[in-house]
């Protein structure tokens, strides 16, 4: 018979800790797997659009290519430039990668399937995505080289510019929901009209603005100016090699999946089926959620294969002179519409 204090210690502290660690691993382990194979999917999708084969040597259909890449990067030498600030230089990729993971704490994968169901989930996500710029700035500054530093400055200006529009888009959605909780945002899109009742249709301009802003937020084509090889070589991670470079790489792709999850929750009904009738509602919610994320990620890859890179002045003009006024107008128009027709949600 165990001592009472041992049982109290186990039930009050150790067991909840073990459960939380298990839940974290249940999220991060599949996420890292999907991040690795997103790189494979990107190469295959773009190869198909270019009428090429893509990875096809390592394993059947090239399926072991991400593992080969990971092993190669893991065993290469980590080189820190002589003039660099070594602590900040190595902290930057870790910060980028960690921020890409901790955002998943509030993402609901299904009804009740969420690690931390906090009432300000959308603000938490917005704050985490905003902090991502610090990893890039730290990398550029700590490298003590002009090209990475210019790439970091570009990235800071770009991410801040498009976060303003993303903030107004999120406010538009919140006006229609009356809650900051991500599960409430998904449930607010539930109704008799299926996918036509989700927010992508009534808020279509904001859906488009949000998706384009996520491209800029994740430094993806056509907004990959921080790593423009024609003028900045590889941009802010020019001096990185081996595993620190791999952490930047993983962080970028984990961010893509996180932004796709945000888009799915805000506009595509989260875990809800496209129509709430059999056999569609027999499919578990997490599978619908993963499928919608996959569709949004496919559009990410499609855009990369289709559009040329913007000039920097075009990038800034789009963010400040087009998206900002449009999103601000839509916030006011949505609020006016909800008040005029007495549709303000009860909180």
C-alpha atoms as a PDB file:
ATOM      1  CA  UNK A   1       0.000   0.000   0.000  1.00  0.00           C
ATOM      2  CA  UNK A   2       1.514   3.302  -1.124  1.00  0.00           C
ATOM      3  CA  UNK A   3       1.842   6.184   1.283  1.00  0.00           C
ATOM      4  CA  UNK A   4      -0.989   8.804   1.025  1.00  0.00           C
ATOM      5  CA  UNK A   5       1.467  11.548   0.092  1.00  0.00           C
ATOM      6  CA  UNK A   6       2.828   9.406  -2.767  1.00  0.00           C
ATOM      7  CA  UNK A   7      -0.703   8.894  -4.161  1.00  0.00           C
ATOM      8  CA  UNK A   8      -1.437  12.605  -3.783  1.00  0.00           C
ATOM      9  CA  UNK A   9       1.810  13.488  -5.584  1.00  0.00           C
ATOM     10  CA  UNK A  10       1.026  11.055  -8.393  1.00  0.00           C
ATOM     11  CA  UNK A  11      -2.641  12.017  -8.869  1.00  0.00           C
ATOM     12  CA  UNK A  12      -2.193  15.731  -8.302  1.00  0.00           C
ATOM     13  CA  UNK A  13       1.029  16.455 -10.172  1.00  0.00           C
ATOM     14  CA  UNK A  14       2.745  13.534 -11.920  1.00  0.00           C
ATOM     15  CA  UNK A  15      -0.255  11.986 -13.719  1.00  0.00           C
ATOM     16  CA  UNK A  16      -1.581  15.294 -15.171  1.00  0.00           C
ATOM     17  CA  UNK A  17       1.986  16.071 -16.291  1.00  0.00           C
ATOM     18  CA  UNK A  18       2.325  12.696 -18.009  1.00  0.00           C
ATOM     19  CA  UNK A  19      -1.055  13.180 -19.749  1.00  0.00           C
ATOM     20  CA  UNK A  20      -0.075  16.651 -21.013  1.00  0.00           C
ATOM     21  CA  UNK A  21       3.277  15.367 -22.331  1.00  0.00           C
ATOM     22  CA  UNK A  22       1.477  12.486 -24.079  1.00  0.00           C
ATOM     23  CA  UNK A  23      -1.002  14.934 -25.672  1.00  0.00           C
ATOM     24  CA  UNK A  24       1.857  17.170 -26.834  1.00  0.00           C
ATOM     25  CA  UNK A  25       3.649  14.197 -28.397  1.00  0.00           C
ATOM     26  CA  UNK A  26       0.387  13.071 -30.026  1.00  0.00           C
ATOM     27  CA  UNK A  27       0.299  16.444 -31.816  1.00  0.00           C
ATOM     28  CA  UNK A  28       3.987  17.104 -32.539  1.00  0.00           C
ATOM     29  CA  UNK A  29       5.013  13.634 -33.753  1.00  0.00           C
ATOM     30  CA  UNK A  30       2.442  13.461 -36.615  1.00  0.00           C
ATOM     31  CA  UNK A  31       3.082  17.153 -37.335  1.00  0.00           C
ATOM     32  CA  UNK A  32       6.813  16.579 -37.865  1.00  0.00           C
ATOM     33  CA  UNK A  33       5.990  13.612 -40.093  1.00  0.00           C
ATOM     34  CA  UNK A  34       3.629  15.750 -42.195  1.00  0.00           C
ATOM     35  CA  UNK A  35       6.191  18.589 -42.330  1.00  0.00           C
ATOM     36  CA  UNK A  36       8.790  16.168 -43.721  1.00  0.00           C
ATOM     37  CA  UNK A  37       6.410  14.780 -46.318  1.00  0.00           C
ATOM     38  CA  UNK A  38       5.070  18.226 -47.240  1.00  0.00           C
ATOM     39  CA  UNK A  39       8.507  18.859 -48.765  1.00  0.00           C
ATOM     40  CA  UNK A  40       8.086  15.640 -50.779  1.00  0.00           C
ATOM     41  CA  UNK A  41       4.552  16.634 -51.813  1.00  0.00           C
ATOM     42  CA  UNK A  42       5.767  20.078 -52.882  1.00  0.00           C
ATOM     43  CA  UNK A  43       8.480  18.627 -55.109  1.00  0.00           C
ATOM     44  CA  UNK A  44       6.053  16.106 -56.624  1.00  0.00           C
ATOM     45  CA  UNK A  45       3.259  18.647 -57.232  1.00  0.00           C
ATOM     46  CA  UNK A  46       5.550  21.243 -58.786  1.00  0.00           C
ATOM     47  CA  UNK A  47       7.253  18.535 -60.869  1.00  0.00           C
ATOM     48  CA  UNK A  48       3.853  17.438 -62.205  1.00  0.00           C
ATOM     49  CA  UNK A  49       2.991  21.040 -63.108  1.00  0.00           C
ATOM     50  CA  UNK A  50       6.381  21.361 -64.868  1.00  0.00           C
ATOM     51  CA  UNK A  51       5.906  17.981 -66.628  1.00  0.00           C
ATOM     52  CA  UNK A  52       8.805  16.440 -64.667  1.00  0.00           C
ATOM     53  CA  UNK A  53       9.024  13.377 -62.414  1.00  0.00           C
ATOM     54  CA  UNK A  54      10.278  14.866 -59.160  1.00  0.00           C
ATOM     55  CA  UNK A  55      11.900  12.647 -56.474  1.00  0.00           C
ATOM     56  CA  UNK A  56      11.829   9.053 -57.757  1.00  0.00           C
ATOM     57  CA  UNK A  57      15.134   7.408 -56.754  1.00  0.00           C
ATOM     58  CA  UNK A  58      15.283   7.043 -52.947  1.00  0.00           C
ATOM     59  CA  UNK A  59      12.734   4.361 -52.067  1.00  0.00           C
ATOM     60  CA  UNK A  60       9.567   3.452 -54.016  1.00  0.00           C
ATOM     61  CA  UNK A  61       8.264   6.558 -55.839  1.00  0.00           C
ATOM     62  CA  UNK A  62      10.940   8.559 -53.993  1.00  0.00           C
ATOM     63  CA  UNK A  63       9.033   8.234 -50.698  1.00  0.00           C
ATOM     64  CA  UNK A  64      12.235   7.994 -48.625  1.00  0.00           C
ATOM     65  CA  UNK A  65      13.631  11.275 -50.006  1.00  0.00           C
ATOM     66  CA  UNK A  66      12.633  13.375 -46.925  1.00  0.00           C
ATOM     67  CA  UNK A  67      14.387  10.849 -44.650  1.00  0.00           C
ATOM     68  CA  UNK A  68      17.506  10.964 -46.839  1.00  0.00           C
ATOM     69  CA  UNK A  69      17.465  14.793 -46.692  1.00  0.00           C
ATOM     70  CA  UNK A  70      17.074  14.750 -42.898  1.00  0.00           C
ATOM     71  CA  UNK A  71      19.962  12.292 -42.430  1.00  0.00           C
ATOM     72  CA  UNK A  72      22.193  14.326 -44.736  1.00  0.00           C
ATOM     73  CA  UNK A  73      21.518  17.597 -42.879  1.00  0.00           C
ATOM     74  CA  UNK A  74      21.869  15.919 -39.485  1.00  0.00           C
ATOM     75  CA  UNK A  75      25.385  14.647 -40.193  1.00  0.00           C
ATOM     76  CA  UNK A  76      26.779  17.745 -41.915  1.00  0.00           C
ATOM     77  CA  UNK A  77      29.043  20.079 -39.975  1.00  0.00           C
ATOM     78  CA  UNK A  78      27.423  23.090 -38.280  1.00  0.00           C
ATOM     79  CA  UNK A  79      29.513  26.092 -39.330  1.00  0.00           C
ATOM     80  CA  UNK A  80      29.254  29.324 -37.332  1.00  0.00           C
ATOM     81  CA  UNK A  81      30.893  32.284 -39.159  1.00  0.00           C
ATOM     82  CA  UNK A  82      33.901  33.764 -37.369  1.00  0.00           C
ATOM     83  CA  UNK A  83      32.301  37.223 -37.071  1.00  0.00           C
ATOM     84  CA  UNK A  84      28.870  35.965 -36.024  1.00  0.00           C
ATOM     85  CA  UNK A  85      27.298  36.224 -32.580  1.00  0.00           C
ATOM     86  CA  UNK A  86      27.262  32.476 -31.843  1.00  0.00           C
ATOM     87  CA  UNK A  87      24.544  32.320 -29.162  1.00  0.00           C
ATOM     88  CA  UNK A  88      21.989  34.404 -31.099  1.00  0.00           C
ATOM     89  CA  UNK A  89      23.068  32.741 -34.358  1.00  0.00           C
ATOM     90  CA  UNK A  90      22.069  29.315 -32.993  1.00  0.00           C
ATOM     91  CA  UNK A  91      19.043  30.570 -31.050  1.00  0.00           C
ATOM     92  CA  UNK A  92      17.358  32.047 -34.147  1.00  0.00           C
ATOM     93  CA  UNK A  93      16.488  28.752 -35.936  1.00  0.00           C
ATOM     94  CA  UNK A  94      15.398  27.184 -32.631  1.00  0.00           C
ATOM     95  CA  UNK A  95      13.052  30.112 -31.962  1.00  0.00           C
ATOM     96  CA  UNK A  96      11.571  29.882 -35.468  1.00  0.00           C
ATOM     97  CA  UNK A  97      10.956  26.155 -35.099  1.00  0.00           C
ATOM     98  CA  UNK A  98       9.554  26.331 -31.542  1.00  0.00           C
ATOM     99  CA  UNK A  99       7.114  29.125 -32.457  1.00  0.00           C
ATOM    100  CA  UNK A 100       5.875  27.044 -35.391  1.00  0.00           C
ATOM    101  CA  UNK A 101       5.051  24.206 -32.967  1.00  0.00           C
ATOM    102  CA  UNK A 102       3.520  25.967 -29.946  1.00  0.00           C
ATOM    103  CA  UNK A 103       0.754  27.520 -32.031  1.00  0.00           C
ATOM    104  CA  UNK A 104      -0.824  24.055 -32.296  1.00  0.00           C
ATOM    105  CA  UNK A 105      -1.704  24.096 -28.573  1.00  0.00           C
ATOM    106  CA  UNK A 106      -5.026  25.862 -29.290  1.00  0.00           C
ATOM    107  CA  UNK A 107      -5.940  24.294 -32.658  1.00  0.00           C
ATOM    108  CA  UNK A 108      -9.153  22.188 -32.362  1.00  0.00           C
ATOM    109  CA  UNK A 109      -8.887  19.040 -34.503  1.00  0.00           C
ATOM    110  CA  UNK A 110     -12.475  18.052 -33.764  1.00  0.00           C
ATOM    111  CA  UNK A 111     -15.271  18.616 -31.243  1.00  0.00           C
ATOM    112  CA  UNK A 112     -13.416  18.680 -27.906  1.00  0.00           C
ATOM    113  CA  UNK A 113     -10.126  17.542 -29.509  1.00  0.00           C
ATOM    114  CA  UNK A 114      -7.885  20.429 -28.475  1.00  0.00           C
ATOM    115  CA  UNK A 115      -4.888  20.621 -26.123  1.00  0.00           C
ATOM    116  CA  UNK A 116      -5.815  24.017 -24.596  1.00  0.00           C
ATOM    117  CA  UNK A 117      -9.359  25.210 -25.281  1.00  0.00           C
ATOM    118  CA  UNK A 118      -8.747  28.796 -24.169  1.00  0.00           C
ATOM    119  CA  UNK A 119     -11.267  31.592 -24.732  1.00  0.00           C
ATOM    120  CA  UNK A 120      -8.732  33.819 -26.496  1.00  0.00           C
ATOM    121  CA  UNK A 121      -7.381  31.141 -28.853  1.00  0.00           C
ATOM    122  CA  UNK A 122      -7.390  33.348 -31.945  1.00  0.00           C
ATOM    123  CA  UNK A 123      -5.432  36.095 -30.127  1.00  0.00           C
ATOM    124  CA  UNK A 124      -2.898  33.493 -28.977  1.00  0.00           C
ATOM    125  CA  UNK A 125      -2.436  32.300 -32.567  1.00  0.00           C
ATOM    126  CA  UNK A 126      -2.117  35.860 -33.866  1.00  0.00           C
ATOM    127  CA  UNK A 127       0.496  36.642 -31.198  1.00  0.00           C
ATOM    128  CA  UNK A 128       2.511  33.487 -31.980  1.00  0.00           C
ATOM    129  CA  UNK A 129       2.486  34.207 -35.733  1.00  0.00           C
ATOM    130  CA  UNK A 130       3.607  37.785 -35.023  1.00  0.00           C
ATOM    131  CA  UNK A 131       6.589  36.582 -32.969  1.00  0.00           C
ATOM    132  CA  UNK A 132       7.916  34.585 -35.938  1.00  0.00           C
ATOM    133  CA  UNK A 133       9.644  37.668 -37.326  1.00  0.00           C
ATOM    134  CA  UNK A 134      12.060  37.708 -34.361  1.00  0.00           C
ATOM    135  CA  UNK A 135      13.726  34.473 -35.446  1.00  0.00           C
ATOM    136  CA  UNK A 136      14.331  35.943 -38.889  1.00  0.00           C
ATOM    137  CA  UNK A 137      15.692  39.257 -37.534  1.00  0.00           C
ATOM    138  CA  UNK A 138      17.961  37.440 -35.062  1.00  0.00           C
ATOM    139  CA  UNK A 139      19.325  35.229 -37.848  1.00  0.00           C
ATOM    140  CA  UNK A 140      20.054  38.181 -40.132  1.00  0.00           C
ATOM    141  CA  UNK A 141      21.666  40.326 -37.442  1.00  0.00           C
ATOM    142  CA  UNK A 142      23.701  37.551 -35.780  1.00  0.00           C
ATOM    143  CA  UNK A 143      25.199  36.443 -39.128  1.00  0.00           C
ATOM    144  CA  UNK A 144      27.189  39.721 -39.265  1.00  0.00           C
ATOM    145  CA  UNK A 145      26.848  39.803 -43.051  1.00  0.00           C
ATOM    146  CA  UNK A 146      25.095  42.395 -45.202  1.00  0.00           C
ATOM    147  CA  UNK A 147      22.965  40.056 -47.336  1.00  0.00           C
ATOM    148  CA  UNK A 148      21.359  38.156 -44.439  1.00  0.00           C
ATOM    149  CA  UNK A 149      20.803  41.465 -42.646  1.00  0.00           C
ATOM    150  CA  UNK A 150      19.025  42.979 -45.667  1.00  0.00           C
ATOM    151  CA  UNK A 151      16.920  39.827 -45.976  1.00  0.00           C
ATOM    152  CA  UNK A 152      15.953  40.072 -42.297  1.00  0.00           C
ATOM    153  CA  UNK A 153      14.919  43.729 -42.665  1.00  0.00           C
ATOM    154  CA  UNK A 154      12.823  42.881 -45.701  1.00  0.00           C
ATOM    155  CA  UNK A 155      11.139  40.067 -43.818  1.00  0.00           C
ATOM    156  CA  UNK A 156      10.355  42.273 -40.817  1.00  0.00           C
ATOM    157  CA  UNK A 157       8.714  44.946 -42.985  1.00  0.00           C
ATOM    158  CA  UNK A 158       6.822  42.354 -45.023  1.00  0.00           C
ATOM    159  CA  UNK A 159       5.449  40.377 -42.075  1.00  0.00           C
ATOM    160  CA  UNK A 160       4.380  43.477 -40.151  1.00  0.00           C
ATOM    161  CA  UNK A 161       2.690  44.939 -43.253  1.00  0.00           C
ATOM    162  CA  UNK A 162       0.526  41.888 -43.892  1.00  0.00           C
ATOM    163  CA  UNK A 163      -0.213  41.180 -40.219  1.00  0.00           C
ATOM    164  CA  UNK A 164      -2.207  44.427 -40.135  1.00  0.00           C
ATOM    165  CA  UNK A 165      -4.557  43.155 -42.859  1.00  0.00           C
ATOM    166  CA  UNK A 166      -4.745  39.710 -41.232  1.00  0.00           C
ATOM    167  CA  UNK A 167      -5.778  41.365 -37.974  1.00  0.00           C
ATOM    168  CA  UNK A 168      -8.674  43.198 -39.627  1.00  0.00           C
ATOM    169  CA  UNK A 169      -9.780  40.014 -41.402  1.00  0.00           C
ATOM    170  CA  UNK A 170      -9.831  38.176 -38.055  1.00  0.00           C
ATOM    171  CA  UNK A 171     -11.877  41.034 -36.537  1.00  0.00           C
ATOM    172  CA  UNK A 172     -14.404  40.622 -39.375  1.00  0.00           C
ATOM    173  CA  UNK A 173     -14.802  36.930 -38.512  1.00  0.00           C
ATOM    174  CA  UNK A 174     -15.045  37.690 -34.790  1.00  0.00           C
ATOM    175  CA  UNK A 175     -17.867  40.168 -35.455  1.00  0.00           C
ATOM    176  CA  UNK A 176     -19.839  37.338 -37.072  1.00  0.00           C
ATOM    177  CA  UNK A 177     -19.113  34.883 -34.235  1.00  0.00           C
ATOM    178  CA  UNK A 178     -19.015  36.932 -31.039  1.00  0.00           C
ATOM    179  CA  UNK A 179     -16.247  34.791 -29.514  1.00  0.00           C
ATOM    180  CA  UNK A 180     -12.457  34.494 -29.567  1.00  0.00           C
ATOM    181  CA  UNK A 181     -12.619  30.738 -28.965  1.00  0.00           C
ATOM    182  CA  UNK A 182     -11.570  28.712 -32.031  1.00  0.00           C
ATOM    183  CA  UNK A 183     -14.106  25.925 -31.373  1.00  0.00           C
ATOM    184  CA  UNK A 184     -16.899  28.554 -31.193  1.00  0.00           C
ATOM    185  CA  UNK A 185     -15.719  29.976 -34.534  1.00  0.00           C
ATOM    186  CA  UNK A 186     -16.079  26.526 -36.131  1.00  0.00           C
ATOM    187  CA  UNK A 187     -19.485  25.851 -34.530  1.00  0.00           C
ATOM    188  CA  UNK A 188     -20.768  29.257 -35.692  1.00  0.00           C
ATOM    189  CA  UNK A 189     -20.399  27.972 -39.268  1.00  0.00           C
ATOM    190  CA  UNK A 190     -22.624  24.947 -38.603  1.00  0.00           C
ATOM    191  CA  UNK A 191     -26.021  25.046 -40.320  1.00  0.00           C
ATOM    192  CA  UNK A 192     -28.390  23.632 -42.916  1.00  0.00           C
ATOM    193  CA  UNK A 193     -26.421  24.927 -45.904  1.00  0.00           C
ATOM    194  CA  UNK A 194     -23.261  22.855 -45.377  1.00  0.00           C
ATOM    195  CA  UNK A 195     -20.197  24.337 -47.037  1.00  0.00           C
ATOM    196  CA  UNK A 196     -22.234  27.272 -48.344  1.00  0.00           C
ATOM    197  CA  UNK A 197     -22.853  28.368 -44.763  1.00  0.00           C
ATOM    198  CA  UNK A 198     -19.146  28.613 -43.963  1.00  0.00           C
ATOM    199  CA  UNK A 199     -17.572  32.069 -43.782  1.00  0.00           C
ATOM    200  CA  UNK A 200     -15.657  31.735 -47.079  1.00  0.00           C
ATOM    201  CA  UNK A 201     -18.804  32.686 -49.010  1.00  0.00           C
ATOM    202  CA  UNK A 202     -20.272  35.680 -47.098  1.00  0.00           C
ATOM    203  CA  UNK A 203     -16.752  36.976 -46.385  1.00  0.00           C
ATOM    204  CA  UNK A 204     -15.251  35.987 -49.749  1.00  0.00           C
ATOM    205  CA  UNK A 205     -13.073  39.129 -50.232  1.00  0.00           C
ATOM    206  CA  UNK A 206     -11.697  38.685 -46.692  1.00  0.00           C
ATOM    207  CA  UNK A 207     -11.047  34.987 -47.377  1.00  0.00           C
ATOM    208  CA  UNK A 208      -8.937  35.939 -50.405  1.00  0.00           C
ATOM    209  CA  UNK A 209      -7.123  38.718 -48.506  1.00  0.00           C
ATOM    210  CA  UNK A 210      -6.398  36.349 -45.609  1.00  0.00           C
ATOM    211  CA  UNK A 211      -5.030  33.603 -47.839  1.00  0.00           C
ATOM    212  CA  UNK A 212      -2.755  35.990 -49.761  1.00  0.00           C
ATOM    213  CA  UNK A 213      -1.606  37.488 -46.449  1.00  0.00           C
ATOM    214  CA  UNK A 214      -0.694  34.007 -45.178  1.00  0.00           C
ATOM    215  CA  UNK A 215       1.514  33.606 -48.267  1.00  0.00           C
ATOM    216  CA  UNK A 216       3.319  36.820 -47.324  1.00  0.00           C
ATOM    217  CA  UNK A 217       3.413  35.877 -43.617  1.00  0.00           C
ATOM    218  CA  UNK A 218       5.127  32.562 -44.385  1.00  0.00           C
ATOM    219  CA  UNK A 219       7.506  34.130 -46.962  1.00  0.00           C
ATOM    220  CA  UNK A 220       6.133  31.935 -49.732  1.00  0.00           C
ATOM    221  CA  UNK A 221       6.095  32.624 -53.476  1.00  0.00           C
ATOM    222  CA  UNK A 222       5.233  35.152 -54.855  1.00  0.00           C
ATOM    223  CA  UNK A 223       6.199  36.981 -51.642  1.00  0.00           C
ATOM    224  CA  UNK A 224       9.505  35.206 -50.886  1.00  0.00           C
ATOM    225  CA  UNK A 225      11.428  38.494 -51.007  1.00  0.00           C
ATOM    226  CA  UNK A 226      13.470  37.844 -47.817  1.00  0.00           C
ATOM    227  CA  UNK A 227      15.271  35.041 -49.683  1.00  0.00           C
ATOM    228  CA  UNK A 228      15.468  36.521 -53.194  1.00  0.00           C
ATOM    229  CA  UNK A 229      18.410  34.625 -54.707  1.00  0.00           C
ATOM    230  CA  UNK A 230      18.909  37.138 -57.534  1.00  0.00           C
ATOM    231  CA  UNK A 231      19.911  39.964 -55.181  1.00  0.00           C
ATOM    232  CA  UNK A 232      20.327  38.509 -51.658  1.00  0.00           C
ATOM    233  CA  UNK A 233      21.634  35.013 -52.481  1.00  0.00           C
ATOM    234  CA  UNK A 234      19.667  32.945 -49.894  1.00  0.00           C
ATOM    235  CA  UNK A 235      18.537  35.873 -47.726  1.00  0.00           C
ATOM    236  CA  UNK A 236      18.435  35.716 -43.954  1.00  0.00           C
ATOM    237  CA  UNK A 237      19.673  32.084 -43.679  1.00  0.00           C
ATOM    238  CA  UNK A 238      22.559  32.530 -46.138  1.00  0.00           C
ATOM    239  CA  UNK A 239      25.194  31.693 -43.497  1.00  0.00           C
ATOM    240  CA  UNK A 240      23.357  28.650 -42.111  1.00  0.00           C
ATOM    241  CA  UNK A 241      24.200  25.037 -42.833  1.00  0.00           C
ATOM    242  CA  UNK A 242      23.472  21.592 -41.435  1.00  0.00           C
ATOM    243  CA  UNK A 243      20.820  21.232 -38.729  1.00  0.00           C
ATOM    244  CA  UNK A 244      20.249  24.962 -37.980  1.00  0.00           C
ATOM    245  CA  UNK A 245      19.330  25.354 -41.663  1.00  0.00           C
ATOM    246  CA  UNK A 246      17.030  22.318 -41.333  1.00  0.00           C
ATOM    247  CA  UNK A 247      15.261  23.981 -38.382  1.00  0.00           C
ATOM    248  CA  UNK A 248      14.514  27.062 -40.520  1.00  0.00           C
ATOM    249  CA  UNK A 249      13.277  24.756 -43.255  1.00  0.00           C
ATOM    250  CA  UNK A 250      11.050  22.778 -40.860  1.00  0.00           C
ATOM    251  CA  UNK A 251       9.794  25.990 -39.254  1.00  0.00           C
ATOM    252  CA  UNK A 252       8.720  27.408 -42.619  1.00  0.00           C
ATOM    253  CA  UNK A 253       6.766  24.296 -43.560  1.00  0.00           C
ATOM    254  CA  UNK A 254       5.249  23.899 -40.067  1.00  0.00           C
ATOM    255  CA  UNK A 255       4.117  27.527 -40.372  1.00  0.00           C
ATOM    256  CA  UNK A 256       2.501  26.739 -43.717  1.00  0.00           C
ATOM    257  CA  UNK A 257       0.487  23.949 -42.100  1.00  0.00           C
ATOM    258  CA  UNK A 258      -0.431  26.203 -39.143  1.00  0.00           C
ATOM    259  CA  UNK A 259      -1.627  29.000 -41.449  1.00  0.00           C
ATOM    260  CA  UNK A 260      -3.614  26.464 -43.475  1.00  0.00           C
ATOM    261  CA  UNK A 261      -5.228  25.284 -40.214  1.00  0.00           C
ATOM    262  CA  UNK A 262      -6.095  28.912 -39.333  1.00  0.00           C
ATOM    263  CA  UNK A 263      -7.645  29.408 -42.775  1.00  0.00           C
ATOM    264  CA  UNK A 264      -9.637  26.186 -42.355  1.00  0.00           C
ATOM    265  CA  UNK A 265     -10.951  27.205 -38.919  1.00  0.00           C
ATOM    266  CA  UNK A 266     -11.833  30.786 -39.842  1.00  0.00           C
ATOM    267  CA  UNK A 267     -13.366  30.232 -43.273  1.00  0.00           C
ATOM    268  CA  UNK A 268     -13.744  26.542 -44.172  1.00  0.00           C
ATOM    269  CA  UNK A 269     -15.731  25.160 -41.252  1.00  0.00           C
ATOM    270  CA  UNK A 270     -12.894  23.451 -39.370  1.00  0.00           C
ATOM    271  CA  UNK A 271     -13.842  19.815 -38.728  1.00  0.00           C
ATOM    272  CA  UNK A 272     -17.413  20.165 -40.121  1.00  0.00           C
ATOM    273  CA  UNK A 273     -18.409  17.970 -43.117  1.00  0.00           C
ATOM    274  CA  UNK A 274     -19.217  19.684 -46.429  1.00  0.00           C
ATOM    275  CA  UNK A 275     -22.877  18.684 -45.926  1.00  0.00           C
ATOM    276  CA  UNK A 276     -24.326  17.332 -42.693  1.00  0.00           C
ATOM    277  CA  UNK A 277     -25.947  14.234 -44.204  1.00  0.00           C
ATOM    278  CA  UNK A 278     -24.914  10.603 -44.607  1.00  0.00           C
ATOM    279  CA  UNK A 279     -22.396   9.419 -45.699  1.00  0.00           C
ATOM    280  CA  UNK A 280     -20.463  12.686 -45.231  1.00  0.00           C
ATOM    281  CA  UNK A 281     -21.190  12.988 -41.510  1.00  0.00           C
ATOM    282  CA  UNK A 282     -19.979   9.414 -40.954  1.00  0.00           C
ATOM    283  CA  UNK A 283     -16.422  10.605 -41.628  1.00  0.00           C
ATOM    284  CA  UNK A 284     -14.696  11.702 -38.357  1.00  0.00           C
ATOM    285  CA  UNK A 285     -14.143  15.439 -37.893  1.00  0.00           C
ATOM    286  CA  UNK A 286     -10.318  15.254 -37.694  1.00  0.00           C
ATOM    287  CA  UNK A 287     -10.236  13.639 -41.165  1.00  0.00           C
ATOM    288  CA  UNK A 288     -12.329  16.496 -42.604  1.00  0.00           C
ATOM    289  CA  UNK A 289     -10.005  18.962 -40.854  1.00  0.00           C
ATOM    290  CA  UNK A 290      -6.865  17.296 -42.274  1.00  0.00           C
ATOM    291  CA  UNK A 291      -8.426  17.111 -45.748  1.00  0.00           C
ATOM    292  CA  UNK A 292      -9.246  20.828 -45.791  1.00  0.00           C
ATOM    293  CA  UNK A 293      -5.710  21.669 -44.618  1.00  0.00           C
ATOM    294  CA  UNK A 294      -4.373  19.487 -47.462  1.00  0.00           C
ATOM    295  CA  UNK A 295      -6.492  21.405 -50.012  1.00  0.00           C
ATOM    296  CA  UNK A 296      -5.224  24.782 -48.726  1.00  0.00           C
ATOM    297  CA  UNK A 297      -1.625  23.481 -48.787  1.00  0.00           C
ATOM    298  CA  UNK A 298      -2.116  22.318 -52.370  1.00  0.00           C
ATOM    299  CA  UNK A 299      -3.077  25.896 -53.300  1.00  0.00           C
ATOM    300  CA  UNK A 300       0.131  27.088 -51.542  1.00  0.00           C
ATOM    301  CA  UNK A 301       2.134  24.781 -53.820  1.00  0.00           C
ATOM    302  CA  UNK A 302       0.046  25.653 -56.884  1.00  0.00           C
ATOM    303  CA  UNK A 303       0.760  29.361 -56.348  1.00  0.00           C
ATOM    304  CA  UNK A 304       4.501  28.654 -56.097  1.00  0.00           C
ATOM    305  CA  UNK A 305       4.484  26.809 -59.431  1.00  0.00           C
ATOM    306  CA  UNK A 306       2.389  29.503 -61.153  1.00  0.00           C
ATOM    307  CA  UNK A 307       3.330  33.056 -60.147  1.00  0.00           C
ATOM    308  CA  UNK A 308       6.615  34.961 -60.526  1.00  0.00           C
ATOM    309  CA  UNK A 309       8.076  36.826 -57.568  1.00  0.00           C
ATOM    310  CA  UNK A 310       6.762  40.331 -56.839  1.00  0.00           C
ATOM    311  CA  UNK A 311       9.045  43.344 -56.766  1.00  0.00           C
ATOM    312  CA  UNK A 312       9.436  44.775 -53.281  1.00  0.00           C
ATOM    313  CA  UNK A 313       7.531  47.988 -54.086  1.00  0.00           C
ATOM    314  CA  UNK A 314       4.653  45.902 -55.523  1.00  0.00           C
ATOM    315  CA  UNK A 315       4.599  43.807 -52.348  1.00  0.00           C
ATOM    316  CA  UNK A 316       4.341  46.876 -50.119  1.00  0.00           C
ATOM    317  CA  UNK A 317       1.783  48.602 -52.355  1.00  0.00           C
ATOM    318  CA  UNK A 318      -0.481  45.551 -52.243  1.00  0.00           C
ATOM    319  CA  UNK A 319      -0.258  45.327 -48.450  1.00  0.00           C
ATOM    320  CA  UNK A 320      -0.717  48.998 -47.546  1.00  0.00           C
ATOM    321  CA  UNK A 321      -2.694  50.504 -50.459  1.00  0.00           C
ATOM    322  CA  UNK A 322      -4.991  47.604 -51.364  1.00  0.00           C
ATOM    323  CA  UNK A 323      -5.409  45.103 -48.530  1.00  0.00           C
ATOM    324  CA  UNK A 324      -5.402  47.548 -45.609  1.00  0.00           C
ATOM    325  CA  UNK A 325      -8.154  49.882 -46.967  1.00  0.00           C
ATOM    326  CA  UNK A 326     -10.195  46.906 -48.237  1.00  0.00           C
ATOM    327  CA  UNK A 327     -10.052  44.991 -44.944  1.00  0.00           C
ATOM    328  CA  UNK A 328     -10.781  48.137 -42.911  1.00  0.00           C
ATOM    329  CA  UNK A 329     -13.791  48.927 -45.120  1.00  0.00           C
ATOM    330  CA  UNK A 330     -15.044  45.337 -44.768  1.00  0.00           C
ATOM    331  CA  UNK A 331     -14.846  45.512 -40.957  1.00  0.00           C
ATOM    332  CA  UNK A 332     -17.026  48.638 -40.966  1.00  0.00           C
ATOM    333  CA  UNK A 333     -19.409  47.209 -43.603  1.00  0.00           C
ATOM    334  CA  UNK A 334     -19.792  43.914 -41.706  1.00  0.00           C
ATOM    335  CA  UNK A 335     -20.449  45.690 -38.404  1.00  0.00           C
ATOM    336  CA  UNK A 336     -23.005  47.978 -40.069  1.00  0.00           C
ATOM    337  CA  UNK A 337     -24.756  45.048 -41.764  1.00  0.00           C
ATOM    338  CA  UNK A 338     -24.977  43.036 -38.522  1.00  0.00           C
ATOM    339  CA  UNK A 339     -26.429  46.001 -36.607  1.00  0.00           C
ATOM    340  CA  UNK A 340     -28.839  47.074 -39.394  1.00  0.00           C
ATOM    341  CA  UNK A 341     -30.371  43.601 -39.717  1.00  0.00           C
ATOM    342  CA  UNK A 342     -30.141  42.761 -35.993  1.00  0.00           C
ATOM    343  CA  UNK A 343     -27.781  39.843 -36.605  1.00  0.00           C
ATOM    344  CA  UNK A 344     -25.246  40.662 -33.895  1.00  0.00           C
ATOM    345  CA  UNK A 345     -24.366  37.315 -32.221  1.00  0.00           C
ATOM    346  CA  UNK A 346     -25.313  36.869 -28.569  1.00  0.00           C
ATOM    347  CA  UNK A 347     -22.172  36.532 -26.464  1.00  0.00           C
END
